[in-house]
């Protein structure tokens, strides 16, 4: 194997052709990488810790930051709306979404459904 410079300037390794001929594997079609690991529970716990720490900072006397904190509430609502839209596009029903939130499917659809 011989080192080759990639476009980013880092050295990579070039695989020589096998005795049977050149390498014909199409990497985009045959990835050898494991699936993406998603740790939503840990990520949500991290976000909760950040919000609690921010609340403590505001509570320690930063009254001006209270307005910024209410802006975060609006951002969270927008993020939930985007998440619900994504789940619907992924194939989840209003009943499934509502059950996870402890509300009826009708309530979920009224709150986050398409408003035409």
N, C-alpha and C. Protein backbone atom coordinates (compact mmCIF):
# COMPACT_ATOMS: atom_id res chain seq x y z
N UNK A 1 0.85 -1.18 0.00
CA UNK A 1 0.00 0.00 0.00
C UNK A 1 0.88 1.23 0.00
N UNK A 2 0.50 2.21 -0.76
CA UNK A 2 1.30 3.42 -0.85
C UNK A 2 0.50 4.60 -0.35
N UNK A 3 1.16 5.55 0.36
CA UNK A 3 0.43 6.72 0.85
C UNK A 3 0.05 7.63 -0.31
N UNK A 4 -1.17 8.17 -0.21
CA UNK A 4 -1.68 9.08 -1.23
C UNK A 4 -2.19 10.31 -0.51
N UNK A 5 -2.00 11.47 -1.10
CA UNK A 5 -2.51 12.71 -0.50
C UNK A 5 -3.95 12.93 -0.95
N UNK A 6 -4.85 13.05 0.03
CA UNK A 6 -6.24 13.34 -0.29
C UNK A 6 -6.38 14.83 -0.58
N UNK A 7 -7.58 15.23 -1.01
CA UNK A 7 -7.82 16.64 -1.31
C UNK A 7 -7.59 17.55 -0.11
N UNK A 8 -7.81 17.02 1.10
CA UNK A 8 -7.62 17.83 2.30
C UNK A 8 -6.16 17.87 2.75
N UNK A 9 -5.25 17.19 2.02
CA UNK A 9 -3.84 17.24 2.34
C UNK A 9 -3.37 16.14 3.27
N UNK A 10 -4.27 15.37 3.84
CA UNK A 10 -3.89 14.30 4.74
C UNK A 10 -3.50 13.06 3.95
N UNK A 11 -2.55 12.31 4.50
CA UNK A 11 -2.12 11.09 3.83
C UNK A 11 -3.16 10.00 4.04
N UNK A 12 -3.49 9.30 2.98
CA UNK A 12 -4.38 8.16 3.06
C UNK A 12 -3.66 6.97 2.47
N UNK A 13 -4.27 5.83 2.53
CA UNK A 13 -3.63 4.63 2.00
C UNK A 13 -4.36 4.18 0.76
N UNK A 14 -3.61 3.91 -0.28
CA UNK A 14 -4.18 3.41 -1.53
C UNK A 14 -4.06 1.91 -1.52
N UNK A 15 -5.16 1.21 -1.79
CA UNK A 15 -5.14 -0.24 -1.83
C UNK A 15 -4.76 -0.69 -3.24
N UNK A 16 -3.76 -1.55 -3.35
CA UNK A 16 -3.36 -2.01 -4.68
C UNK A 16 -4.45 -2.90 -5.28
N UNK A 17 -4.44 -3.02 -6.56
CA UNK A 17 -5.39 -3.90 -7.23
C UNK A 17 -5.11 -5.34 -6.82
N UNK A 18 -6.17 -6.11 -6.68
CA UNK A 18 -5.99 -7.51 -6.31
C UNK A 18 -5.53 -8.29 -7.54
N UNK A 19 -5.02 -9.52 -7.34
CA UNK A 19 -4.58 -10.31 -8.50
C UNK A 19 -5.71 -10.54 -9.50
N UNK A 20 -6.96 -10.50 -9.03
CA UNK A 20 -8.09 -10.74 -9.93
C UNK A 20 -8.44 -9.51 -10.75
N UNK A 21 -7.86 -8.37 -10.43
CA UNK A 21 -8.16 -7.16 -11.18
C UNK A 21 -8.33 -5.98 -10.24
N UNK A 22 -8.74 -4.84 -10.77
CA UNK A 22 -8.89 -3.64 -9.94
C UNK A 22 -10.04 -3.80 -8.95
N UNK A 23 -9.97 -2.99 -7.89
CA UNK A 23 -11.02 -2.98 -6.86
C UNK A 23 -12.28 -2.35 -7.47
N UNK A 24 -13.36 -3.11 -7.52
CA UNK A 24 -14.59 -2.61 -8.14
C UNK A 24 -15.69 -2.34 -7.12
N UNK A 25 -15.36 -2.36 -5.84
CA UNK A 25 -16.36 -2.10 -4.81
C UNK A 25 -16.73 -0.63 -4.84
N UNK A 26 -18.01 -0.35 -4.86
CA UNK A 26 -18.50 1.02 -4.85
C UNK A 26 -18.84 1.38 -3.40
N UNK A 27 -17.91 2.11 -2.77
CA UNK A 27 -18.05 2.42 -1.35
C UNK A 27 -19.37 3.07 -0.97
N UNK A 28 -19.91 4.00 -1.76
CA UNK A 28 -21.19 4.58 -1.35
C UNK A 28 -22.32 3.55 -1.29
N UNK A 29 -22.20 2.48 -2.09
CA UNK A 29 -23.25 1.47 -2.11
C UNK A 29 -23.04 0.37 -1.08
N UNK A 30 -21.82 0.24 -0.58
CA UNK A 30 -21.51 -0.82 0.37
C UNK A 30 -20.75 -0.27 1.56
N UNK A 31 -21.38 0.56 2.38
CA UNK A 31 -20.65 1.12 3.51
C UNK A 31 -20.32 0.05 4.54
N UNK A 32 -19.15 0.17 5.13
CA UNK A 32 -18.72 -0.75 6.17
C UNK A 32 -18.87 -0.16 7.56
N UNK A 33 -19.55 0.97 7.65
CA UNK A 33 -19.67 1.66 8.92
C UNK A 33 -20.92 1.19 9.65
N UNK A 34 -20.84 1.07 10.98
CA UNK A 34 -22.03 0.71 11.75
C UNK A 34 -23.04 1.86 11.71
N UNK A 35 -24.28 1.56 12.04
CA UNK A 35 -25.33 2.58 12.05
C UNK A 35 -25.05 3.69 13.06
N UNK A 36 -25.67 4.82 12.84
CA UNK A 36 -25.51 5.98 13.71
C UNK A 36 -26.11 5.69 15.09
N UNK A 37 -25.36 5.95 16.13
CA UNK A 37 -25.84 5.75 17.49
C UNK A 37 -26.45 7.06 17.97
N UNK A 38 -27.71 7.02 18.37
CA UNK A 38 -28.40 8.21 18.84
C UNK A 38 -28.70 8.01 20.32
N UNK A 39 -28.27 8.95 21.12
CA UNK A 39 -28.46 8.86 22.57
C UNK A 39 -29.34 10.02 23.02
N UNK A 40 -30.61 9.97 22.63
CA UNK A 40 -31.52 11.06 22.92
C UNK A 40 -31.75 11.27 24.41
N UNK A 41 -31.78 10.20 25.21
CA UNK A 41 -31.99 10.35 26.65
C UNK A 41 -30.87 11.18 27.27
N UNK A 42 -29.63 10.88 26.90
CA UNK A 42 -28.50 11.61 27.45
C UNK A 42 -28.48 13.05 26.94
N UNK A 43 -28.85 13.25 25.70
CA UNK A 43 -28.88 14.59 25.13
C UNK A 43 -29.95 15.44 25.81
N UNK A 44 -31.12 14.84 26.05
CA UNK A 44 -32.20 15.56 26.75
C UNK A 44 -31.78 15.89 28.18
N UNK A 45 -31.09 14.97 28.85
CA UNK A 45 -30.61 15.23 30.21
C UNK A 45 -29.62 16.39 30.21
N UNK A 46 -28.76 16.45 29.21
CA UNK A 46 -27.80 17.55 29.09
C UNK A 46 -28.54 18.88 28.91
N UNK A 47 -29.54 18.91 28.02
CA UNK A 47 -30.30 20.14 27.78
C UNK A 47 -31.02 20.57 29.06
N UNK A 48 -31.55 19.61 29.81
CA UNK A 48 -32.21 19.93 31.08
C UNK A 48 -31.24 20.57 32.06
N UNK A 49 -30.02 20.02 32.15
CA UNK A 49 -29.02 20.59 33.05
C UNK A 49 -28.66 22.01 32.66
N UNK A 50 -28.55 22.27 31.35
CA UNK A 50 -28.23 23.61 30.87
C UNK A 50 -29.34 24.58 31.26
N UNK A 51 -30.59 24.19 31.03
CA UNK A 51 -31.72 25.07 31.37
C UNK A 51 -31.80 25.35 32.87
N UNK A 52 -31.56 24.33 33.67
CA UNK A 52 -31.58 24.53 35.13
C UNK A 52 -30.47 25.47 35.57
N UNK A 53 -29.29 25.32 35.00
CA UNK A 53 -28.18 26.20 35.34
C UNK A 53 -28.50 27.63 34.93
N UNK A 54 -29.12 27.81 33.78
CA UNK A 54 -29.51 29.14 33.33
C UNK A 54 -30.54 29.75 34.28
N UNK A 55 -31.50 28.94 34.71
CA UNK A 55 -32.51 29.43 35.67
C UNK A 55 -31.85 29.87 36.97
N UNK A 56 -30.85 29.13 37.43
CA UNK A 56 -30.15 29.52 38.66
C UNK A 56 -29.42 30.84 38.48
N UNK A 57 -28.83 31.05 37.31
CA UNK A 57 -28.12 32.31 37.05
C UNK A 57 -29.09 33.48 37.04
N UNK A 58 -30.27 33.28 36.44
CA UNK A 58 -31.28 34.34 36.42
C UNK A 58 -31.77 34.59 37.84
N UNK A 59 -32.01 33.53 38.58
CA UNK A 59 -32.52 33.65 39.95
C UNK A 59 -31.52 34.34 40.88
N UNK A 60 -30.26 34.33 40.53
CA UNK A 60 -29.23 35.00 41.34
C UNK A 60 -29.19 36.50 41.10
N UNK A 61 -30.20 37.05 40.43
CA UNK A 61 -30.30 38.49 40.34
C UNK A 61 -30.21 39.10 38.95
N UNK A 62 -30.16 38.30 37.91
CA UNK A 62 -30.07 38.85 36.55
C UNK A 62 -31.47 39.00 35.97
N UNK A 63 -32.19 40.03 36.41
CA UNK A 63 -33.57 40.24 36.00
C UNK A 63 -33.69 40.49 34.51
N UNK A 64 -32.67 41.08 33.89
CA UNK A 64 -32.70 41.34 32.45
C UNK A 64 -32.74 40.05 31.64
N UNK A 65 -32.13 39.00 32.17
CA UNK A 65 -32.09 37.72 31.46
C UNK A 65 -33.43 37.00 31.48
N UNK A 66 -34.36 37.45 32.31
CA UNK A 66 -35.68 36.82 32.38
C UNK A 66 -36.38 36.91 31.01
N UNK A 67 -36.23 38.03 30.34
CA UNK A 67 -36.82 38.20 29.01
C UNK A 67 -36.20 37.21 28.03
N UNK A 68 -34.89 37.05 28.12
CA UNK A 68 -34.21 36.09 27.25
C UNK A 68 -34.69 34.67 27.52
N UNK A 69 -34.97 34.39 28.77
CA UNK A 69 -35.43 33.05 29.15
C UNK A 69 -36.81 32.76 28.56
N UNK A 70 -37.69 33.75 28.52
CA UNK A 70 -38.99 33.52 27.90
C UNK A 70 -38.83 33.30 26.39
N UNK A 71 -37.82 33.90 25.80
CA UNK A 71 -37.52 33.63 24.39
C UNK A 71 -37.11 32.19 24.17
N UNK A 72 -36.43 31.61 25.16
CA UNK A 72 -36.07 30.19 25.08
C UNK A 72 -37.32 29.32 25.08
N UNK A 73 -38.32 29.71 25.86
CA UNK A 73 -39.57 28.94 25.88
C UNK A 73 -40.20 28.90 24.50
N UNK A 74 -40.16 30.02 23.80
CA UNK A 74 -40.69 30.06 22.43
C UNK A 74 -39.86 29.17 21.50
N UNK A 75 -38.55 29.18 21.67
CA UNK A 75 -37.68 28.32 20.86
C UNK A 75 -37.98 26.85 21.11
N UNK A 76 -38.23 26.50 22.36
CA UNK A 76 -38.54 25.11 22.70
C UNK A 76 -39.85 24.70 22.03
N UNK A 77 -40.86 25.57 22.06
CA UNK A 77 -42.12 25.25 21.40
C UNK A 77 -41.91 25.06 19.90
N UNK A 78 -41.10 25.91 19.29
CA UNK A 78 -40.80 25.78 17.86
C UNK A 78 -40.08 24.46 17.58
N UNK A 79 -39.15 24.09 18.46
CA UNK A 79 -38.41 22.84 18.29
C UNK A 79 -39.35 21.63 18.41
N UNK A 80 -40.29 21.69 19.33
CA UNK A 80 -41.26 20.60 19.48
C UNK A 80 -42.10 20.49 18.22
N UNK A 81 -42.52 21.63 17.68
CA UNK A 81 -43.31 21.62 16.44
C UNK A 81 -42.53 20.99 15.30
N UNK A 82 -41.24 21.32 15.19
CA UNK A 82 -40.41 20.73 14.14
C UNK A 82 -40.25 19.23 14.36
N UNK A 83 -40.10 18.82 15.61
CA UNK A 83 -39.95 17.40 15.91
C UNK A 83 -41.22 16.63 15.53
N UNK A 84 -42.37 17.19 15.87
CA UNK A 84 -43.64 16.54 15.53
C UNK A 84 -43.80 16.45 14.01
N UNK A 85 -43.47 17.52 13.31
CA UNK A 85 -43.54 17.52 11.85
C UNK A 85 -42.64 16.43 11.27
N UNK A 86 -41.44 16.31 11.82
CA UNK A 86 -40.52 15.27 11.37
C UNK A 86 -41.03 13.87 11.66
N UNK A 87 -41.60 13.67 12.83
CA UNK A 87 -42.15 12.36 13.18
C UNK A 87 -43.32 11.99 12.26
N UNK A 88 -44.15 12.97 11.94
CA UNK A 88 -45.27 12.73 11.01
C UNK A 88 -44.73 12.34 9.64
N UNK A 89 -43.70 13.05 9.17
CA UNK A 89 -43.11 12.74 7.87
C UNK A 89 -42.46 11.36 7.88
N UNK A 90 -41.99 10.93 9.04
CA UNK A 90 -41.35 9.63 9.19
C UNK A 90 -42.38 8.51 9.25
N UNK A 91 -43.67 8.88 9.43
CA UNK A 91 -44.73 7.87 9.39
C UNK A 91 -45.46 7.65 10.70
N UNK A 92 -45.13 8.40 11.74
CA UNK A 92 -45.83 8.23 13.01
C UNK A 92 -47.22 8.84 12.93
N UNK A 93 -48.20 8.17 13.55
CA UNK A 93 -49.57 8.66 13.53
C UNK A 93 -49.78 9.67 14.65
N UNK A 94 -50.88 10.43 14.52
CA UNK A 94 -51.23 11.37 15.59
C UNK A 94 -51.50 10.62 16.88
N UNK A 95 -52.05 9.42 16.80
CA UNK A 95 -52.33 8.63 18.01
C UNK A 95 -51.02 8.26 18.72
N UNK A 96 -49.99 7.86 17.94
CA UNK A 96 -48.70 7.51 18.54
C UNK A 96 -48.05 8.73 19.19
N UNK A 97 -48.09 9.85 18.51
CA UNK A 97 -47.49 11.08 19.05
C UNK A 97 -48.25 11.52 20.30
N UNK A 98 -49.57 11.53 20.21
CA UNK A 98 -50.39 11.93 21.36
C UNK A 98 -50.17 11.04 22.57
N UNK A 99 -50.06 9.73 22.34
CA UNK A 99 -49.88 8.82 23.48
C UNK A 99 -48.56 9.07 24.20
N UNK A 100 -47.50 9.44 23.45
CA UNK A 100 -46.21 9.73 24.08
C UNK A 100 -46.27 11.01 24.91
N UNK A 101 -47.18 11.91 24.53
CA UNK A 101 -47.31 13.19 25.23
C UNK A 101 -48.42 13.19 26.27
N UNK A 102 -49.14 12.09 26.37
CA UNK A 102 -50.21 12.00 27.35
C UNK A 102 -51.45 12.80 26.97
N UNK A 103 -51.65 12.98 25.66
CA UNK A 103 -52.83 13.68 25.17
C UNK A 103 -53.49 12.83 24.09
N UNK A 104 -54.68 13.21 23.70
CA UNK A 104 -55.37 12.46 22.65
C UNK A 104 -54.79 12.79 21.28
N UNK A 105 -55.09 11.94 20.31
CA UNK A 105 -54.62 12.20 18.96
C UNK A 105 -55.22 13.48 18.41
N UNK A 106 -56.48 13.73 18.80
CA UNK A 106 -57.14 14.95 18.34
C UNK A 106 -56.44 16.19 18.90
N UNK A 107 -56.07 16.14 20.17
CA UNK A 107 -55.39 17.28 20.79
C UNK A 107 -54.03 17.53 20.12
N UNK A 108 -53.30 16.45 19.84
CA UNK A 108 -52.00 16.59 19.17
C UNK A 108 -52.18 17.18 17.78
N UNK A 109 -53.17 16.70 17.05
CA UNK A 109 -53.40 17.20 15.70
C UNK A 109 -53.84 18.66 15.71
N UNK A 110 -54.68 19.02 16.68
CA UNK A 110 -55.11 20.42 16.76
C UNK A 110 -53.95 21.34 17.11
N UNK A 111 -53.05 20.86 17.97
CA UNK A 111 -51.95 21.71 18.42
C UNK A 111 -50.85 21.85 17.38
N UNK A 112 -50.49 20.73 16.72
CA UNK A 112 -49.35 20.75 15.81
C UNK A 112 -49.70 20.40 14.36
N UNK A 113 -50.97 20.20 14.08
CA UNK A 113 -51.37 19.81 12.72
C UNK A 113 -51.21 20.94 11.74
N UNK A 114 -51.37 20.58 10.48
CA UNK A 114 -51.25 21.55 9.39
C UNK A 114 -52.36 22.57 9.50
N UNK A 115 -51.98 23.83 9.58
CA UNK A 115 -52.95 24.92 9.72
C UNK A 115 -53.07 25.64 8.40
N UNK A 116 -54.05 25.26 7.63
CA UNK A 116 -54.24 25.86 6.30
C UNK A 116 -55.31 26.89 6.34
